[in-house]
Amino acid sequence: MTGADHWTLAGNVERHTGYWAGEFATPYRVFTEAGHDVVVATPGGVQPPVDRASLAPVPNGGEEGARKVAATIKSAPPLDKRSRG
């Protein structure tokens, strides 16, 4: 998973980035509900940053979908640096 929290564009302009919430949350739910352990790795072992735009209602099918994705990310131990040592 990405460890980048920004892109540097021409002119040294920085734009926020990170992993796309739904691309983690949906497979994570499917795998853990099927009894699998999920391990997350990032370059340098940094805590993966979520792309804040991916937490909005529109890319998640509405407010309920956005809440569900955010709750999954918040409760996922593999995303918590403390759980990775």
C-alpha atoms as a PDB file:
ATOM      1  CA  MET A   1       0.000   0.000   0.000  1.00  0.00           C
ATOM      2  CA  THR A   2       1.195   3.536  -0.579  1.00  0.00           C
ATOM      3  CA  GLY A   3       3.007   5.418   2.107  1.00  0.00           C
ATOM      4  CA  ALA A   4       2.853   8.692   0.159  1.00  0.00           C
ATOM      5  CA  ASP A   5       0.722  11.487   1.547  1.00  0.00           C
ATOM      6  CA  HIS A   6       1.362  13.957  -1.285  1.00  0.00           C
ATOM      7  CA  TRP A   7       2.450  14.305  -4.903  1.00  0.00           C
ATOM      8  CA  THR A   8       4.878  17.014  -5.935  1.00  0.00           C
ATOM      9  CA  LEU A   9       3.826  18.492  -9.261  1.00  0.00           C
ATOM     10  CA  ALA A  10       5.554  20.888 -11.630  1.00  0.00           C
ATOM     11  CA  GLY A  11       6.462  24.135  -9.956  1.00  0.00           C
ATOM     12  CA  ASN A  12       6.937  22.330  -6.636  1.00  0.00           C
ATOM     13  CA  VAL A  13       3.177  22.284  -6.038  1.00  0.00           C
ATOM     14  CA  GLU A  14       2.116  19.603  -3.543  1.00  0.00           C
ATOM     15  CA  ARG A  15      -1.227  17.797  -3.751  1.00  0.00           C
ATOM     16  CA  HIS A  16      -2.530  15.531  -1.021  1.00  0.00           C
ATOM     17  CA  THR A  17      -2.882  11.851  -1.864  1.00  0.00           C
ATOM     18  CA  GLY A  18      -2.984   8.451  -0.175  1.00  0.00           C
ATOM     19  CA  TYR A  19      -4.678   5.114  -0.667  1.00  0.00           C
ATOM     20  CA  TRP A  20      -8.261   5.094  -1.951  1.00  0.00           C
ATOM     21  CA  ALA A  21     -10.492   4.164   0.980  1.00  0.00           C
ATOM     22  CA  GLY A  22     -12.869   1.853  -0.863  1.00  0.00           C
ATOM     23  CA  GLU A  23     -10.007  -0.049  -2.469  1.00  0.00           C
ATOM     24  CA  PHE A  24      -8.914  -1.068   1.010  1.00  0.00           C
ATOM     25  CA  ALA A  25     -12.211  -1.248   2.898  1.00  0.00           C
ATOM     26  CA  THR A  26     -14.175  -3.535   0.575  1.00  0.00           C
ATOM     27  CA  PRO A  27     -11.533  -6.275   0.148  1.00  0.00           C
ATOM     28  CA  TYR A  28     -10.611  -5.965   3.834  1.00  0.00           C
ATOM     29  CA  ARG A  29     -14.231  -6.664   4.872  1.00  0.00           C
ATOM     30  CA  VAL A  30     -14.552  -9.570   2.423  1.00  0.00           C
ATOM     31  CA  PHE A  31     -11.294 -11.200   3.496  1.00  0.00           C
ATOM     32  CA  THR A  32     -11.768 -10.758   7.239  1.00  0.00           C
ATOM     33  CA  GLU A  33     -15.388 -11.921   7.103  1.00  0.00           C
ATOM     34  CA  ALA A  34     -14.093 -15.063   5.334  1.00  0.00           C
ATOM     35  CA  GLY A  35     -11.695 -15.633   8.231  1.00  0.00           C
ATOM     36  CA  HIS A  36      -8.471 -14.411   6.624  1.00  0.00           C
ATOM     37  CA  ASP A  37      -5.822 -12.277   8.300  1.00  0.00           C
ATOM     38  CA  VAL A  38      -4.901  -9.106   6.420  1.00  0.00           C
ATOM     39  CA  VAL A  39      -1.390  -7.675   6.527  1.00  0.00           C
ATOM     40  CA  VAL A  40      -0.581  -4.203   5.217  1.00  0.00           C
ATOM     41  CA  ALA A  41       2.910  -3.226   4.093  1.00  0.00           C
ATOM     42  CA  THR A  42       4.137   0.198   3.028  1.00  0.00           C
ATOM     43  CA  PRO A  43       7.485   1.481   1.814  1.00  0.00           C
ATOM     44  CA  GLY A  44       9.520   2.273   4.901  1.00  0.00           C
ATOM     45  CA  GLY A  45       6.882   0.801   7.204  1.00  0.00           C
ATOM     46  CA  VAL A  46       5.027   4.109   7.506  1.00  0.00           C
ATOM     47  CA  GLN A  47       1.369   4.313   8.452  1.00  0.00           C
ATOM     48  CA  PRO A  48      -0.579   4.418   5.166  1.00  0.00           C
ATOM     49  CA  PRO A  49      -2.399   7.727   4.666  1.00  0.00           C
ATOM     50  CA  VAL A  50      -5.934   7.696   3.320  1.00  0.00           C
ATOM     51  CA  ASP A  51      -6.805  10.008   0.442  1.00  0.00           C
ATOM     52  CA  ARG A  52      -9.336  12.258   2.161  1.00  0.00           C
ATOM     53  CA  ALA A  53     -11.302  12.696  -1.069  1.00  0.00           C
ATOM     54  CA  SER A  54     -12.048   8.957  -1.030  1.00  0.00           C
ATOM     55  CA  LEU A  55     -13.979   9.317   2.236  1.00  0.00           C
ATOM     56  CA  ALA A  56     -16.618  11.622   0.719  1.00  0.00           C
ATOM     57  CA  PRO A  57     -20.187  10.425   0.099  1.00  0.00           C
ATOM     58  CA  VAL A  58     -20.031  10.579  -3.720  1.00  0.00           C
ATOM     59  CA  PRO A  59     -17.337   7.910  -4.281  1.00  0.00           C
ATOM     60  CA  ASN A  60     -18.974   5.724  -1.628  1.00  0.00           C
ATOM     61  CA  GLY A  61     -22.530   5.699  -2.911  1.00  0.00           C
ATOM     62  CA  GLY A  62     -23.870   8.197  -0.387  1.00  0.00           C
ATOM     63  CA  GLU A  63     -23.622   9.117   3.275  1.00  0.00           C
ATOM     64  CA  GLU A  64     -24.206   5.588   4.571  1.00  0.00           C
ATOM     65  CA  GLY A  65     -21.506   4.144   2.323  1.00  0.00           C
ATOM     66  CA  ALA A  66     -19.079   6.868   3.401  1.00  0.00           C
ATOM     67  CA  ARG A  67     -19.781   6.108   7.070  1.00  0.00           C
ATOM     68  CA  LYS A  68     -19.280   2.381   6.482  1.00  0.00           C
ATOM     69  CA  VAL A  69     -15.944   2.873   4.693  1.00  0.00           C
ATOM     70  CA  ALA A  70     -14.705   5.309   7.345  1.00  0.00           C
ATOM     71  CA  ALA A  71     -15.719   2.921  10.143  1.00  0.00           C
ATOM     72  CA  THR A  72     -13.918   0.018   8.462  1.00  0.00           C
ATOM     73  CA  ILE A  73     -10.736   2.048   8.093  1.00  0.00           C
ATOM     74  CA  LYS A  74     -10.917   3.348  11.657  1.00  0.00           C
ATOM     75  CA  SER A  75     -11.342  -0.146  13.092  1.00  0.00           C
ATOM     76  CA  ALA A  76      -8.828  -1.998  10.870  1.00  0.00           C
ATOM     77  CA  PRO A  77      -5.824  -3.059  12.985  1.00  0.00           C
ATOM     78  CA  PRO A  78      -3.523  -3.447   9.925  1.00  0.00           C
ATOM     79  CA  LEU A  79      -3.786   0.314   9.314  1.00  0.00           C
ATOM     80  CA  ASP A  80      -2.739   1.196  12.839  1.00  0.00           C
ATOM     81  CA  LYS A  81       1.026   1.596  13.011  1.00  0.00           C
ATOM     82  CA  ARG A  82       0.972   0.525  16.644  1.00  0.00           C
ATOM     83  CA  SER A  83      -0.339  -2.904  15.618  1.00  0.00           C
ATOM     84  CA  ARG A  84       2.585  -3.339  13.209  1.00  0.00           C
ATOM     85  CA  GLY A  85       5.262  -2.769  15.846  1.00  0.00           C
END
